[in-house]
Amino acid sequence: MLLSPLATSPVPVGEFVQWEDVFSAAELAAIGKYGDGLAQQKADLSGRRAVYDTIRITNVAWIERRPETAWLTARLEQIVLRLNDQFFGYELYGLAESFQYTVYHGGEGGHFDWHKDHGNTREEPRKISLSLQLSESAAYEGCELEFHSGDTVQAAPKKRGTLIAFPSYVLHRVTPIVSGIRKSLVIWAAGPEFR
């Protein structure tokens, strides 16, 4: 696997696995530049716009499988295989969806309330969710990726280049952004329903 030379080993931390520096600074910049060049739209939840802003305010664009993104797809497939082998042990089909380039703006109060990524509406249910931190932590305030585990809430690290992986059925949220802009890349690995 062609990881950044600074890459650490993945580490389990409560409800998620944390892996720092999987991508180099140049690769993170390339992902951000590519994502910024895509047409962004306000995220939606199955057309339920009337109540939607209380649940989620964010802009998204979709990174499709194309020749110019083949390196990113190949790297993410290798990352998911390693994480699944080492920590999850799920039966997977692979990366079934496009990658979500997500942007939270301080001026809009961007957030995403408690939710799970796993659902019964997909042909290929999500089993592992991943979030790659593209912004420097000093570029924004608030906008914490948090996980709910029993009676505790656990925040993920905000260091640029940190990849967070977790089972898609885990309850998580992104708290409201106070100022600045937070960018991340969200990836899902799919597989057959849990039995």
C-alpha atoms as a PDB file:
ATOM      1  CA  MET A   1       0.000   0.000   0.000  1.00  0.00           C
ATOM      2  CA  LEU A   2       1.406   3.401  -0.934  1.00  0.00           C
ATOM      3  CA  LEU A   3       0.808   5.387   2.239  1.00  0.00           C
ATOM      4  CA  SER A   4       2.377   8.663   3.198  1.00  0.00           C
ATOM      5  CA  PRO A   5       5.842   8.073   4.720  1.00  0.00           C
ATOM      6  CA  LEU A   6       4.523   9.752   7.894  1.00  0.00           C
ATOM      7  CA  ALA A   7       1.597   7.336   8.260  1.00  0.00           C
ATOM      8  CA  THR A   8       1.119   5.866  11.699  1.00  0.00           C
ATOM      9  CA  SER A   9      -0.565   2.546  12.448  1.00  0.00           C
ATOM     10  CA  PRO A  10      -4.341   2.536  12.848  1.00  0.00           C
ATOM     11  CA  VAL A  11      -5.445   2.637  16.490  1.00  0.00           C
ATOM     12  CA  PRO A  12      -8.843   1.693  17.984  1.00  0.00           C
ATOM     13  CA  VAL A  13     -10.262   4.488  20.162  1.00  0.00           C
ATOM     14  CA  GLY A  14     -13.651   3.634  21.679  1.00  0.00           C
ATOM     15  CA  GLU A  15     -16.264   3.489  18.915  1.00  0.00           C
ATOM     16  CA  PHE A  16     -13.865   4.318  16.078  1.00  0.00           C
ATOM     17  CA  VAL A  17     -10.456   3.563  14.592  1.00  0.00           C
ATOM     18  CA  GLN A  18      -8.073   6.485  14.134  1.00  0.00           C
ATOM     19  CA  TRP A  19      -5.361   6.488  11.474  1.00  0.00           C
ATOM     20  CA  GLU A  20      -3.142   9.538  11.086  1.00  0.00           C
ATOM     21  CA  ASP A  21      -1.231  10.710   8.026  1.00  0.00           C
ATOM     22  CA  VAL A  22      -2.484   8.036   5.631  1.00  0.00           C
ATOM     23  CA  PHE A  23      -2.311  10.695   2.898  1.00  0.00           C
ATOM     24  CA  SER A  24       0.530  13.168   2.399  1.00  0.00           C
ATOM     25  CA  ALA A  25      -0.039  16.925   2.621  1.00  0.00           C
ATOM     26  CA  ALA A  26       0.200  17.127  -1.188  1.00  0.00           C
ATOM     27  CA  GLU A  27      -2.405  14.383  -1.599  1.00  0.00           C
ATOM     28  CA  LEU A  28      -4.754  16.089   0.876  1.00  0.00           C
ATOM     29  CA  ALA A  29      -4.338  19.342  -1.061  1.00  0.00           C
ATOM     30  CA  ALA A  30      -5.101  17.518  -4.332  1.00  0.00           C
ATOM     31  CA  ILE A  31      -8.291  16.007  -2.864  1.00  0.00           C
ATOM     32  CA  GLY A  32      -9.370  19.421  -1.600  1.00  0.00           C
ATOM     33  CA  LYS A  33      -8.625  21.140  -4.918  1.00  0.00           C
ATOM     34  CA  TYR A  34     -10.535  18.470  -6.831  1.00  0.00           C
ATOM     35  CA  GLY A  35     -13.494  18.677  -4.425  1.00  0.00           C
ATOM     36  CA  ASP A  36     -13.565  22.476  -4.578  1.00  0.00           C
ATOM     37  CA  GLY A  37     -13.750  22.238  -8.369  1.00  0.00           C
ATOM     38  CA  LEU A  38     -16.946  20.168  -8.244  1.00  0.00           C
ATOM     39  CA  ALA A  39     -20.456  21.621  -8.189  1.00  0.00           C
ATOM     40  CA  GLN A  40     -21.549  21.645  -4.557  1.00  0.00           C
ATOM     41  CA  GLN A  41     -25.161  21.431  -3.470  1.00  0.00           C
ATOM     42  CA  LYS A  42     -26.985  21.690  -0.195  1.00  0.00           C
ATOM     43  CA  ALA A  43     -27.275  18.204   1.274  1.00  0.00           C
ATOM     44  CA  ASP A  44     -30.759  16.723   1.385  1.00  0.00           C
ATOM     45  CA  LEU A  45     -32.524  13.876   3.184  1.00  0.00           C
ATOM     46  CA  SER A  46     -34.929  12.143   0.834  1.00  0.00           C
ATOM     47  CA  GLY A  47     -36.641  15.386  -0.132  1.00  0.00           C
ATOM     48  CA  ARG A  48     -37.630  16.328   3.435  1.00  0.00           C
ATOM     49  CA  ARG A  49     -36.509  19.957   3.114  1.00  0.00           C
ATOM     50  CA  ALA A  50     -39.096  21.438   5.538  1.00  0.00           C
ATOM     51  CA  VAL A  51     -37.497  19.932   8.652  1.00  0.00           C
ATOM     52  CA  TYR A  52     -34.106  19.263   7.166  1.00  0.00           C
ATOM     53  CA  ASP A  53     -32.154  22.284   8.423  1.00  0.00           C
ATOM     54  CA  THR A  54     -32.791  21.251  12.012  1.00  0.00           C
ATOM     55  CA  ILE A  55     -31.057  17.940  11.221  1.00  0.00           C
ATOM     56  CA  ARG A  56     -28.326  18.901   8.762  1.00  0.00           C
ATOM     57  CA  ILE A  57     -26.828  21.957   7.100  1.00  0.00           C
ATOM     58  CA  THR A  58     -23.883  21.208   4.845  1.00  0.00           C
ATOM     59  CA  ASN A  59     -22.801  21.399   1.231  1.00  0.00           C
ATOM     60  CA  VAL A  60     -21.696  18.290  -0.610  1.00  0.00           C
ATOM     61  CA  ALA A  61     -20.213  17.247  -3.922  1.00  0.00           C
ATOM     62  CA  TRP A  62     -19.602  13.735  -5.185  1.00  0.00           C
ATOM     63  CA  ILE A  63     -16.239  12.382  -6.252  1.00  0.00           C
ATOM     64  CA  GLU A  64     -16.999   9.774  -8.896  1.00  0.00           C
ATOM     65  CA  ARG A  65     -14.792   6.984 -10.186  1.00  0.00           C
ATOM     66  CA  ARG A  66     -12.919   8.568 -13.074  1.00  0.00           C
ATOM     67  CA  PRO A  67      -9.397   8.206 -14.491  1.00  0.00           C
ATOM     68  CA  GLU A  68      -8.254  11.294 -12.558  1.00  0.00           C
ATOM     69  CA  THR A  69      -9.541   9.831  -9.263  1.00  0.00           C
ATOM     70  CA  ALA A  70      -8.321   6.257  -9.834  1.00  0.00           C
ATOM     71  CA  TRP A  71      -5.398   6.776  -7.425  1.00  0.00           C
ATOM     72  CA  LEU A  72      -7.779   7.891  -4.676  1.00  0.00           C
ATOM     73  CA  THR A  73     -10.165   4.984  -5.237  1.00  0.00           C
ATOM     74  CA  ALA A  74      -7.315   2.452  -5.237  1.00  0.00           C
ATOM     75  CA  ARG A  75      -5.831   3.900  -2.040  1.00  0.00           C
ATOM     76  CA  LEU A  76      -9.196   3.942  -0.245  1.00  0.00           C
ATOM     77  CA  GLU A  77      -9.922   0.359  -1.292  1.00  0.00           C
ATOM     78  CA  GLN A  78      -6.579  -0.746   0.174  1.00  0.00           C
ATOM     79  CA  ILE A  79      -7.219   1.235   3.358  1.00  0.00           C
ATOM     80  CA  VAL A  80     -10.668  -0.297   3.824  1.00  0.00           C
ATOM     81  CA  LEU A  81      -9.337  -3.807   3.243  1.00  0.00           C
ATOM     82  CA  ARG A  82      -6.625  -3.330   5.865  1.00  0.00           C
ATOM     83  CA  LEU A  83      -8.965  -1.764   8.425  1.00  0.00           C
ATOM     84  CA  ASN A  84     -11.596  -4.433   7.873  1.00  0.00           C
ATOM     85  CA  ASP A  85      -9.044  -7.222   8.190  1.00  0.00           C
ATOM     86  CA  GLN A  86      -7.494  -5.736  11.311  1.00  0.00           C
ATOM     87  CA  PHE A  87     -10.542  -4.410  13.195  1.00  0.00           C
ATOM     88  CA  PHE A  88     -13.990  -5.156  11.753  1.00  0.00           C
ATOM     89  CA  GLY A  89     -14.037  -8.556  10.017  1.00  0.00           C
ATOM     90  CA  TYR A  90     -17.150  -7.785   7.951  1.00  0.00           C
ATOM     91  CA  GLU A  91     -18.198  -9.366   4.692  1.00  0.00           C
ATOM     92  CA  LEU A  92     -17.830  -6.505   2.221  1.00  0.00           C
ATOM     93  CA  TYR A  93     -18.654  -5.861  -1.430  1.00  0.00           C
ATOM     94  CA  GLY A  94     -16.357  -2.833  -1.594  1.00  0.00           C
ATOM     95  CA  LEU A  95     -16.758   0.917  -2.042  1.00  0.00           C
ATOM     96  CA  ALA A  96     -20.199   0.929  -3.606  1.00  0.00           C
ATOM     97  CA  GLU A  97     -20.874   4.688  -3.578  1.00  0.00           C
ATOM     98  CA  SER A  98     -19.179   7.832  -4.784  1.00  0.00           C
ATOM     99  CA  PHE A  99     -17.118   9.668  -2.173  1.00  0.00           C
ATOM    100  CA  GLN A 100     -18.831  12.594  -0.470  1.00  0.00           C
ATOM    101  CA  TYR A 101     -16.827  15.820  -0.380  1.00  0.00           C
ATOM    102  CA  THR A 102     -18.407  17.652   2.544  1.00  0.00           C
ATOM    103  CA  VAL A 103     -18.098  21.335   3.441  1.00  0.00           C
ATOM    104  CA  TYR A 104     -19.411  22.962   6.635  1.00  0.00           C
ATOM    105  CA  HIS A 105     -19.543  26.796   6.626  1.00  0.00           C
ATOM    106  CA  GLY A 106     -19.454  28.845   9.820  1.00  0.00           C
ATOM    107  CA  GLY A 107     -21.728  31.496   8.340  1.00  0.00           C
ATOM    108  CA  GLU A 108     -24.435  28.883   7.742  1.00  0.00           C
ATOM    109  CA  GLY A 109     -24.203  27.129  11.115  1.00  0.00           C
ATOM    110  CA  GLY A 110     -23.280  23.878   9.385  1.00  0.00           C
ATOM    111  CA  HIS A 111     -23.951  20.691  11.366  1.00  0.00           C
ATOM    112  CA  PHE A 112     -25.329  17.156  11.136  1.00  0.00           C
ATOM    113  CA  ASP A 113     -27.334  15.960  14.146  1.00  0.00           C
ATOM    114  CA  TRP A 114     -27.194  12.428  15.626  1.00  0.00           C
ATOM    115  CA  HIS A 115     -27.619   9.772  12.958  1.00  0.00           C
ATOM    116  CA  LYS A 116     -26.430   6.399  11.688  1.00  0.00           C
ATOM    117  CA  ASP A 117     -25.155   5.757   8.180  1.00  0.00           C
ATOM    118  CA  HIS A 118     -26.489   2.215   8.034  1.00  0.00           C
ATOM    119  CA  GLY A 119     -30.022   1.813   6.736  1.00  0.00           C
ATOM    120  CA  ASN A 120     -32.331  -0.693   5.121  1.00  0.00           C
ATOM    121  CA  THR A 121     -33.090   1.399   2.028  1.00  0.00           C
ATOM    122  CA  ARG A 122     -29.918   0.595   0.084  1.00  0.00           C
ATOM    123  CA  GLU A 123     -29.356  -2.345  -2.207  1.00  0.00           C
ATOM    124  CA  GLU A 124     -25.863  -2.614  -0.745  1.00  0.00           C
ATOM    125  CA  PRO A 125     -26.033  -1.545   2.928  1.00  0.00           C
ATOM    126  CA  ARG A 126     -23.236   0.548   4.366  1.00  0.00           C
ATOM    127  CA  LYS A 127     -21.118  -1.353   6.878  1.00  0.00           C
ATOM    128  CA  ILE A 128     -18.020   0.790   7.436  1.00  0.00           C
ATOM    129  CA  SER A 129     -18.047   4.593   7.387  1.00  0.00           C
ATOM    130  CA  LEU A 130     -14.878   6.629   7.025  1.00  0.00           C
ATOM    131  CA  SER A 131     -14.212  10.346   7.410  1.00  0.00           C
ATOM    132  CA  LEU A 132     -10.964  11.917   6.207  1.00  0.00           C
ATOM    133  CA  GLN A 133     -10.147  15.283   7.803  1.00  0.00           C
ATOM    134  CA  LEU A 134      -9.079  17.675   5.019  1.00  0.00           C
ATOM    135  CA  SER A 135      -9.008  20.974   6.956  1.00  0.00           C
ATOM    136  CA  GLU A 136      -6.437  22.166   9.440  1.00  0.00           C
ATOM    137  CA  SER A 137      -7.957  22.137  12.932  1.00  0.00           C
ATOM    138  CA  ALA A 138      -7.176  25.867  13.284  1.00  0.00           C
ATOM    139  CA  ALA A 139      -9.259  26.673  10.173  1.00  0.00           C
ATOM    140  CA  TYR A 140     -12.556  26.376  12.054  1.00  0.00           C
ATOM    141  CA  GLU A 141     -14.158  26.326  15.487  1.00  0.00           C
ATOM    142  CA  GLY A 142     -16.763  23.783  16.594  1.00  0.00           C
ATOM    143  CA  CYS A 143     -17.812  21.188  14.000  1.00  0.00           C
ATOM    144  CA  GLU A 144     -16.648  18.225  16.093  1.00  0.00           C
ATOM    145  CA  LEU A 145     -17.215  14.687  14.791  1.00  0.00           C
ATOM    146  CA  GLU A 146     -18.656  12.951  17.865  1.00  0.00           C
ATOM    147  CA  PHE A 147     -19.702   9.396  18.679  1.00  0.00           C
ATOM    148  CA  HIS A 148     -22.336   8.279  21.177  1.00  0.00           C
ATOM    149  CA  SER A 149     -21.355   5.264  23.218  1.00  0.00           C
ATOM    150  CA  GLY A 150     -23.539   4.306  26.157  1.00  0.00           C
ATOM    151  CA  ASP A 151     -23.520   7.277  28.518  1.00  0.00           C
ATOM    152  CA  THR A 152     -20.522   8.984  26.939  1.00  0.00           C
ATOM    153  CA  VAL A 153     -19.868  11.192  23.930  1.00  0.00           C
ATOM    154  CA  GLN A 154     -16.458  10.855  22.346  1.00  0.00           C
ATOM    155  CA  ALA A 155     -14.932  13.402  19.944  1.00  0.00           C
ATOM    156  CA  ALA A 156     -12.682  12.376  17.074  1.00  0.00           C
ATOM    157  CA  PRO A 157      -9.351  14.153  16.617  1.00  0.00           C
ATOM    158  CA  LYS A 158      -9.334  17.145  14.277  1.00  0.00           C
ATOM    159  CA  LYS A 159      -5.768  16.851  12.980  1.00  0.00           C
ATOM    160  CA  ARG A 160      -5.572  17.310   9.212  1.00  0.00           C
ATOM    161  CA  GLY A 161      -5.034  13.992   7.443  1.00  0.00           C
ATOM    162  CA  THR A 162      -6.616  11.865  10.177  1.00  0.00           C
ATOM    163  CA  LEU A 163      -8.878   9.101   8.901  1.00  0.00           C
ATOM    164  CA  ILE A 164     -11.672   7.945  11.213  1.00  0.00           C
ATOM    165  CA  ALA A 165     -13.350   4.576  10.513  1.00  0.00           C
ATOM    166  CA  PHE A 166     -16.342   3.131  12.352  1.00  0.00           C
ATOM    167  CA  PRO A 167     -19.216   0.682  11.901  1.00  0.00           C
ATOM    168  CA  SER A 168     -21.974   2.443   9.963  1.00  0.00           C
ATOM    169  CA  TYR A 169     -24.528   1.551  12.642  1.00  0.00           C
ATOM    170  CA  VAL A 170     -22.727   3.655  15.291  1.00  0.00           C
ATOM    171  CA  LEU A 171     -24.579   6.816  16.339  1.00  0.00           C
ATOM    172  CA  HIS A 172     -22.575   9.940  15.465  1.00  0.00           C
ATOM    173  CA  ARG A 173     -22.943  13.643  14.696  1.00  0.00           C
ATOM    174  CA  VAL A 174     -21.092  16.751  13.584  1.00  0.00           C
ATOM    175  CA  THR A 175     -21.664  19.588  16.063  1.00  0.00           C
ATOM    176  CA  PRO A 176     -22.487  23.096  14.761  1.00  0.00           C
ATOM    177  CA  ILE A 177     -19.594  25.002  13.282  1.00  0.00           C
ATOM    178  CA  VAL A 178     -19.029  28.335  15.027  1.00  0.00           C
ATOM    179  CA  SER A 179     -16.633  29.928  12.531  1.00  0.00           C
ATOM    180  CA  GLY A 180     -14.436  29.069   9.581  1.00  0.00           C
ATOM    181  CA  ILE A 181     -14.824  26.178   7.153  1.00  0.00           C
ATOM    182  CA  ARG A 182     -14.403  22.445   7.734  1.00  0.00           C
ATOM    183  CA  LYS A 183     -13.866  20.089   4.796  1.00  0.00           C
ATOM    184  CA  SER A 184     -13.856  16.312   4.905  1.00  0.00           C
ATOM    185  CA  LEU A 185     -14.156  13.333   2.612  1.00  0.00           C
ATOM    186  CA  VAL A 186     -16.740  10.727   3.612  1.00  0.00           C
ATOM    187  CA  ILE A 187     -16.485   7.169   2.310  1.00  0.00           C
ATOM    188  CA  TRP A 188     -18.669   4.099   2.803  1.00  0.00           C
ATOM    189  CA  ALA A 189     -17.869   0.417   2.357  1.00  0.00           C
ATOM    190  CA  ALA A 190     -20.897  -1.744   1.656  1.00  0.00           C
ATOM    191  CA  GLY A 191     -21.720  -5.394   2.196  1.00  0.00           C
ATOM    192  CA  PRO A 192     -24.594  -7.789   2.770  1.00  0.00           C
ATOM    193  CA  GLU A 193     -26.951  -7.141   5.675  1.00  0.00           C
ATOM    194  CA  PHE A 194     -25.724  -8.118   9.119  1.00  0.00           C
ATOM    195  CA  ARG A 195     -27.211 -11.412  10.307  1.00  0.00           C
END
